[in-house]
Protein backbone atom coordinates (compact mmCIF):
# COMPACT_ATOMS: atom_id res chain seq x y z
CA UNK A 1 59.20 13.28 -3.77
CA UNK A 2 55.67 11.65 -4.56
CA UNK A 3 53.08 13.77 -6.74
CA UNK A 4 49.67 13.33 -6.07
CA UNK A 5 47.06 14.33 -8.11
CA UNK A 6 43.14 14.66 -6.57
CA UNK A 7 40.35 15.07 -9.14
CA UNK A 8 37.71 16.52 -8.32
CA UNK A 9 37.00 19.44 -5.26
CA UNK A 10 33.92 18.05 -3.38
CA UNK A 11 33.93 17.08 -0.07
CA UNK A 12 36.03 14.22 -0.40
CA UNK A 13 38.58 15.64 -2.61
CA UNK A 14 38.75 18.89 -0.83
CA UNK A 15 39.32 16.84 2.44
CA UNK A 16 42.10 14.35 1.24
CA UNK A 17 43.69 17.77 -0.59
CA UNK A 18 44.06 19.72 2.72
CA UNK A 19 45.01 16.71 4.77
CA UNK A 20 47.93 16.19 2.25
CA UNK A 21 49.09 19.78 1.86
CA UNK A 22 49.95 19.34 5.74
CA UNK A 23 52.59 16.66 4.82
CA UNK A 24 55.93 17.86 3.58
CA UNK A 25 56.47 14.03 2.25
CA UNK A 26 54.13 14.64 -1.13
CA UNK A 27 53.54 17.25 -3.83
CA UNK A 28 49.76 17.72 -4.64
CA UNK A 29 47.30 19.40 -6.97
CA UNK A 30 44.30 19.48 -6.88
CA UNK A 31 41.93 19.69 -10.56
CA UNK A 32 38.69 20.81 -11.00
CA UNK A 33 36.20 21.76 -13.88
CA UNK A 34 34.77 24.72 -11.76
CA UNK A 35 36.68 27.67 -10.24
CA UNK A 36 34.84 27.33 -6.94
CA UNK A 37 33.76 24.75 -4.11
CA UNK A 38 30.31 24.53 -3.17
CA UNK A 39 28.33 23.75 0.22
CA UNK A 40 25.89 21.67 -1.72
CA UNK A 41 23.40 21.25 1.72
CA UNK A 42 23.04 24.85 1.19
CA UNK A 43 21.81 24.82 -2.18
CA UNK A 44 18.16 24.49 -1.53
CA UNK A 45 18.16 27.38 0.72
CA UNK A 46 20.03 29.46 -1.68
CA UNK A 47 17.52 28.50 -4.39
CA UNK A 48 14.87 30.03 -2.06
CA UNK A 49 16.48 32.99 -0.79
CA UNK A 50 19.95 33.55 -2.57
CA UNK A 51 20.71 36.57 -0.62
CA UNK A 52 21.11 34.64 2.61
CA UNK A 53 23.49 31.87 1.73
CA UNK A 54 24.04 32.39 -2.15
CA UNK A 55 27.19 33.94 -2.57
CA UNK A 56 28.46 32.46 1.09
CA UNK A 57 27.97 28.90 0.09
CA UNK A 58 30.51 29.42 -2.59
CA UNK A 59 34.11 29.43 -1.78
CA UNK A 60 37.10 29.93 -4.96
CA UNK A 61 39.28 26.73 -4.65
CA UNK A 62 42.33 29.38 -4.97
CA UNK A 63 41.53 30.86 -1.51
CA UNK A 64 41.66 27.29 0.07
CA UNK A 65 44.41 25.42 -2.03
CA UNK A 66 46.41 28.39 -3.38
CA UNK A 67 48.36 27.57 -6.01
CA UNK A 68 47.82 23.73 -5.42
CA UNK A 69 44.81 23.94 -7.14
CA UNK A 70 44.24 23.56 -11.09
CA UNK A 71 41.35 25.34 -13.03
CA UNK A 72 40.84 22.69 -15.80
CA UNK A 73 38.94 19.75 -16.96
CA UNK A 74 40.59 16.17 -17.15
CA UNK A 75 39.02 14.46 -20.25
CA UNK A 76 41.19 10.81 -20.28
CA UNK A 77 43.70 8.94 -17.93
CA UNK A 78 46.51 7.65 -18.29
CA UNK A 79 48.71 5.47 -16.30
CA UNK A 80 50.16 8.20 -14.55
CA UNK A 81 48.81 11.50 -16.18
CA UNK A 82 45.57 13.18 -16.87
CA UNK A 83 44.95 14.56 -20.26
CA UNK A 84 43.44 17.81 -19.78
CA UNK A 85 40.84 19.60 -22.40
CA UNK A 86 43.22 21.66 -23.69
CA UNK A 87 45.55 18.62 -24.44
CA UNK A 88 48.24 19.18 -21.50
CA UNK A 89 48.93 16.61 -18.98
CA UNK A 90 49.33 16.65 -15.04
CA UNK A 91 51.55 13.58 -14.78
CA UNK A 92 51.30 11.88 -11.00
CA UNK A 93 52.58 8.99 -9.03
CA UNK A 94 49.28 8.75 -6.95
CA UNK A 95 45.74 9.27 -8.13
CA UNK A 96 43.19 10.04 -6.08
CA UNK A 97 39.46 10.01 -8.10
CA UNK A 98 36.98 12.16 -6.18
CA UNK A 99 34.81 13.36 -9.02
CA UNK A 100 31.15 13.18 -7.14
CA UNK A 101 27.90 13.10 -8.93
CA UNK A 102 25.33 14.91 -10.75
CA UNK A 103 21.76 15.21 -11.38
CA UNK A 104 20.66 15.09 -14.54
CA UNK A 105 17.61 17.05 -14.41
CA UNK A 106 18.52 19.13 -11.33
CA UNK A 107 20.72 21.44 -11.81
CA UNK A 108 19.74 23.61 -8.53
CA UNK A 109 21.62 21.36 -6.37
CA UNK A 110 24.87 20.11 -8.32
CA UNK A 111 25.55 22.33 -10.74
CA UNK A 112 27.28 20.82 -14.01
CA UNK A 113 27.81 23.58 -16.73
CA UNK A 114 28.34 26.42 -14.52
CA UNK A 115 32.13 26.64 -14.28
CA UNK A 116 32.59 29.89 -12.79
CA UNK A 117 31.81 31.30 -9.63
CA UNK A 118 30.21 34.27 -11.55
CA UNK A 119 28.11 31.71 -13.84
CA UNK A 120 27.02 29.99 -10.66
CA UNK A 121 25.39 32.80 -9.23
CA UNK A 122 23.80 34.07 -11.93
CA UNK A 123 22.22 30.54 -12.76
CA UNK A 124 20.84 30.97 -8.87
CA UNK A 125 19.53 33.93 -9.40
CA UNK A 126 17.91 32.95 -12.79
CA UNK A 127 16.53 29.71 -10.94
CA UNK A 128 15.26 32.24 -8.01
CA UNK A 129 13.11 34.22 -10.60
CA UNK A 130 11.71 30.81 -12.05
CA UNK A 131 11.05 29.93 -7.97
CA UNK A 132 9.27 33.39 -7.05
CA UNK A 133 7.04 33.69 -10.49
CA UNK A 134 5.61 29.72 -10.68
CA UNK A 135 1.99 29.38 -9.44
CA UNK A 136 3.18 25.94 -7.72
CA UNK A 137 5.51 23.20 -7.44
CA UNK A 138 5.69 19.78 -8.23
CA UNK A 139 8.99 17.81 -6.70
CA UNK A 140 9.58 14.44 -7.90
CA UNK A 141 11.57 12.09 -5.55
CA UNK A 142 11.10 11.69 -2.04
CA UNK A 143 14.92 11.26 -1.03
CA UNK A 144 16.16 13.28 1.53
CA UNK A 145 16.73 15.91 -1.02
CA UNK A 146 13.23 15.68 -1.89
CA UNK A 147 12.24 16.18 1.37
CA UNK A 148 14.10 18.91 2.07
CA UNK A 149 13.19 21.07 -1.03
CA UNK A 150 9.23 20.26 -0.29
CA UNK A 151 9.71 21.88 3.20
CA UNK A 152 12.01 24.88 1.58
CA UNK A 153 9.30 25.68 -1.36
CA UNK A 154 6.22 25.29 1.55
CA UNK A 155 8.20 27.56 3.89
CA UNK A 156 9.41 30.44 1.35
CA UNK A 157 6.36 30.29 -0.80
CA UNK A 158 3.29 30.84 1.32
CA UNK A 159 0.05 30.20 -0.20
CA UNK A 160 1.27 28.29 -3.07
CA UNK A 161 0.78 24.63 -3.81
CA UNK A 162 3.36 22.35 -3.37
CA UNK A 163 3.30 18.47 -4.49
CA UNK A 164 5.77 16.08 -3.57
CA UNK A 165 5.64 12.49 -5.54
CA UNK A 166 7.43 9.59 -4.89
CA UNK A 167 7.56 6.24 -6.46
CA UNK A 168 8.09 4.25 -3.31
CA UNK A 169 6.04 3.62 -0.36
CA UNK A 170 7.57 5.96 2.10
CA UNK A 171 9.81 9.14 1.66
CA UNK A 172 13.62 8.82 2.55
CA UNK A 173 13.35 5.26 1.93
CA UNK A 174 17.25 4.60 3.32
CA UNK A 175 16.48 6.06 6.72
CA UNK A 176 14.96 4.58 9.39
CA UNK A 177 11.06 4.22 9.08
CA UNK A 178 10.79 6.53 12.20
CA UNK A 179 12.57 8.63 9.84
CA UNK A 180 10.21 8.22 7.12
CA UNK A 181 6.86 8.69 9.43
CA UNK A 182 8.34 12.32 10.63
CA UNK A 183 8.96 13.49 7.43
CA UNK A 184 5.29 12.70 5.64
CA UNK A 185 3.70 14.25 8.91
CA UNK A 186 6.43 17.58 9.14
CA UNK A 187 5.41 17.86 5.23
CA UNK A 188 1.67 17.59 5.68
CA UNK A 189 1.74 19.89 8.38
CA UNK A 190 3.44 22.90 5.98
CA UNK A 191 0.81 21.96 3.64
CA UNK A 192 2.75 20.05 1.41
CA UNK A 193 0.54 17.23 -0.80
CA UNK A 194 2.90 13.95 -0.69
CA UNK A 195 2.12 11.24 -3.29
CA UNK A 196 3.03 8.20 -2.33
CA UNK A 197 3.64 4.87 -4.67
CA UNK A 198 3.24 7.65 -7.79
CA UNK A 199 5.99 7.04 -10.22
CA UNK A 200 4.26 8.91 -12.95
CA UNK A 201 3.61 12.44 -11.77
CA UNK A 202 3.18 15.14 -14.10
CA UNK A 203 3.24 19.04 -13.73
CA UNK A 204 0.04 20.53 -13.76
CA UNK A 205 -1.81 24.20 -13.52
CA UNK A 206 1.36 25.79 -14.62
CA UNK A 207 3.60 24.34 -11.51
CA UNK A 208 7.60 24.60 -11.86
CA UNK A 209 8.79 20.92 -11.69
CA UNK A 210 11.64 19.52 -9.89
CA UNK A 211 13.26 16.48 -10.49
CA UNK A 212 15.49 15.23 -7.57
CA UNK A 213 15.39 11.72 -8.38
CA UNK A 214 18.58 9.69 -9.54
CA UNK A 215 22.05 11.47 -9.32
CA UNK A 216 24.60 9.85 -11.76
CA UNK A 217 28.14 9.32 -11.37
CA UNK A 218 30.53 12.32 -13.05
CA UNK A 219 32.38 9.41 -14.43
CA UNK A 220 32.41 9.55 -17.88
CA UNK A 221 36.12 10.40 -18.28
CA UNK A 222 36.71 6.72 -17.32
CA UNK A 223 34.79 4.73 -19.56
CA UNK A 224 38.14 4.21 -22.04
CA UNK A 225 40.46 3.71 -18.44
CA UNK A 226 42.10 -0.24 -19.15
CA UNK A 227 41.48 -1.85 -17.17
CA UNK A 228 38.15 -1.05 -17.15
CA UNK A 229 37.15 0.71 -13.75
CA UNK A 230 33.75 1.52 -13.51
CA UNK A 231 30.68 -0.85 -12.89
CA UNK A 232 27.08 -1.27 -14.50
CA UNK A 233 25.56 2.24 -13.04
CA UNK A 234 29.20 4.30 -13.81
CA UNK A 235 30.35 3.97 -10.25
CA UNK A 236 34.30 3.53 -10.14
CA UNK A 237 34.67 0.32 -8.44
CA UNK A 238 37.06 -0.07 -5.22
CA UNK A 239 38.42 -2.60 -2.87
CA UNK A 240 38.04 -2.40 1.10
CA UNK A 241 41.05 0.29 1.16
CA UNK A 242 39.19 2.43 -1.28
CA UNK A 243 41.77 1.27 -4.02
CA UNK A 244 40.61 1.40 -7.63
CA UNK A 245 40.66 -1.89 -9.12
CA UNK A 246 43.15 -3.17 -11.48
CA UNK A 247 44.82 0.22 -10.57
CA UNK A 248 47.04 -0.41 -7.35
CA UNK A 249 48.17 3.60 -7.00
CA UNK A 250 44.70 4.74 -7.46
CA UNK A 251 42.08 5.76 -5.01
CA UNK A 252 38.59 6.55 -5.42
CA UNK A 253 36.57 8.51 -2.51
CA UNK A 254 33.15 10.06 -2.44
CA UNK A 255 29.96 9.75 -4.27
CA UNK A 256 31.23 8.17 -7.06
CA UNK A 257 32.99 5.14 -5.94
CA UNK A 258 30.95 2.14 -5.27
CA UNK A 259 31.78 1.18 -1.69
CA UNK A 260 28.58 0.85 0.35
CA UNK A 261 28.31 3.80 2.20
CA UNK A 262 26.28 6.44 2.66
CA UNK A 263 26.57 9.37 -0.14
CA UNK A 264 26.86 11.94 2.13
CA UNK A 265 29.04 15.02 2.87
CA UNK A 266 29.83 13.63 6.30
CA UNK A 267 31.09 10.48 4.65
CA UNK A 268 32.58 11.58 1.79
CA UNK A 269 35.19 13.78 4.10
CA UNK A 270 35.87 10.56 6.22
CA UNK A 271 36.96 8.74 3.14
CA UNK A 272 39.15 12.14 1.93
CA UNK A 273 40.77 11.78 5.10
CA UNK A 274 41.16 7.56 5.25
CA UNK A 275 42.83 7.95 1.68
CA UNK A 276 45.21 10.85 2.91
CA UNK A 277 46.06 9.10 5.87
CA UNK A 278 46.60 5.83 4.21
CA UNK A 279 48.81 7.15 1.28
CA UNK A 280 51.22 8.91 3.85
CA UNK A 281 51.53 5.65 5.96
CA UNK A 282 52.29 3.48 3.03
CA UNK A 283 55.52 5.86 2.21
CA UNK A 284 56.99 4.46 5.64
CA UNK A 285 58.38 1.01 4.92
CA UNK A 286 57.93 0.74 8.78
CA UNK A 287 54.37 1.35 9.10
CA UNK A 288 51.82 -1.27 8.48
CA UNK A 289 49.14 -1.44 5.84
CA UNK A 290 46.00 0.56 6.69
CA UNK A 291 43.16 -1.28 7.98
CA UNK A 292 40.15 -1.80 5.59
CA UNK A 293 37.89 1.44 5.51
CA UNK A 294 34.73 1.12 7.88
CA UNK A 295 31.78 2.07 6.64
CA UNK A 296 29.72 4.92 8.16
CA UNK A 297 26.65 5.09 9.97
CA UNK A 298 23.83 6.49 7.89
CA UNK A 299 22.91 9.72 9.22
CA UNK A 300 20.84 12.74 8.47
CA UNK A 301 20.06 16.02 9.52
CA UNK A 302 16.63 17.13 7.80
CA UNK A 303 15.29 21.03 9.09
CA UNK A 304 11.70 20.86 7.50
CA UNK A 305 10.88 24.90 6.74
CA UNK A 306 11.54 27.42 9.21
CA UNK A 307 10.70 25.27 12.56
CA UNK A 308 10.09 21.57 11.99
CA UNK A 309 12.70 18.83 10.99
CA UNK A 310 14.56 15.55 12.35
CA UNK A 311 17.85 14.27 12.51
CA UNK A 312 18.80 10.67 12.34
CA UNK A 313 21.91 9.62 14.59
CA UNK A 314 23.56 6.20 15.36
CA UNK A 315 21.18 5.16 18.08
CA UNK A 316 17.88 6.70 16.35
CA UNK A 317 15.68 9.35 15.50
CA UNK A 318 15.75 12.54 17.12
CA UNK A 319 13.84 16.22 16.65
CA UNK A 320 16.22 17.88 19.01
CA UNK A 321 15.66 21.57 17.61
CA UNK A 322 19.70 22.83 18.55
CA UNK A 323 20.51 20.25 16.25
CA UNK A 324 18.37 20.53 13.32
CA UNK A 325 19.15 24.35 13.62
CA UNK A 326 23.16 23.74 13.11
CA UNK A 327 21.59 22.86 9.30
CA UNK A 328 18.48 25.01 9.05
CA UNK A 329 20.68 28.35 9.76
CA UNK A 330 22.55 28.41 6.69
CA UNK A 331 22.93 25.15 5.30
CA UNK A 332 26.30 24.23 6.95
CA UNK A 333 27.71 27.05 5.31
CA UNK A 334 29.56 28.53 8.49
CA UNK A 335 31.05 25.61 9.42
CA UNK A 336 32.44 24.41 6.32
CA UNK A 337 33.91 27.94 5.72
CA UNK A 338 35.70 27.72 9.13
CA UNK A 339 36.57 23.85 8.42
CA UNK A 340 38.06 24.96 4.91
CA UNK A 341 39.97 28.03 5.84
CA UNK A 342 37.92 30.38 4.43
CA UNK A 343 37.19 33.77 5.91
CA UNK A 344 33.28 34.14 7.33
CA UNK A 345 31.05 36.04 5.17
């Protein structure tokens, strides 16, 4: 029975592992340096209001995967084994790489060094205290994360000044121009000062500064792999079937691969399911090779503050309150807890 190892338990890795665990044709283990899965879309709300979604947005992997979860850090990869920080090895026949990305200067969204649920809660509380005590805020970066963060800060700190500085000429530049216009209009209504074409913003008057720019792939453990797998930006190079170049039994999914796809939770889940199905299909010699993976359309749900927001769908940008409200409610926590089989909290 082929053994499959999934490295990384974000949205992509967890989707692949759960799909594969339904099969009796393979054995599956998922290894992650953290002991909890985190619903990342909820972490901006957890910053300003941890009592609402902080604890519920983090689920122990053991509750989701049981004995298939391995709490450890992969520090090196061999052809058919992952070397762990304690020197032990996890062997595999097929490897799925899903290490995700991190923000070097913005641990609010994706913490890198808080490896247990308890450590993460303590960090969340510390960040919340800093938020409450600050006289004002500067958000650097006008992507979707920066825009949503500025709106949360404004909504939950009435009377304090919020600035958002963005290097480019419009906000959320990867989205439709209509989405950019709505983001600017809504932030302005919330009292946020938006500074476009500003790549040199600095905090002033005691402002608490949040850097939301330039997430980087968490792929340092792959630097010594031969044949080399990383591109110049540290992303894992894959082919049309999300196989790692030069390694026919390795796949890479989610934010850390270089496939031209939206780096979003929904897309990561689609990639995870695709690879899982491709692996199971490949075990049956009578079945044809899977079709190439199809890039997903760029979509976004952007609740801005307590009443405003927009959504980008394949056919256009809308302001449907019921749709935006799905994310506004709890950062999609209840949806993902249900999807992952975790009890509601």
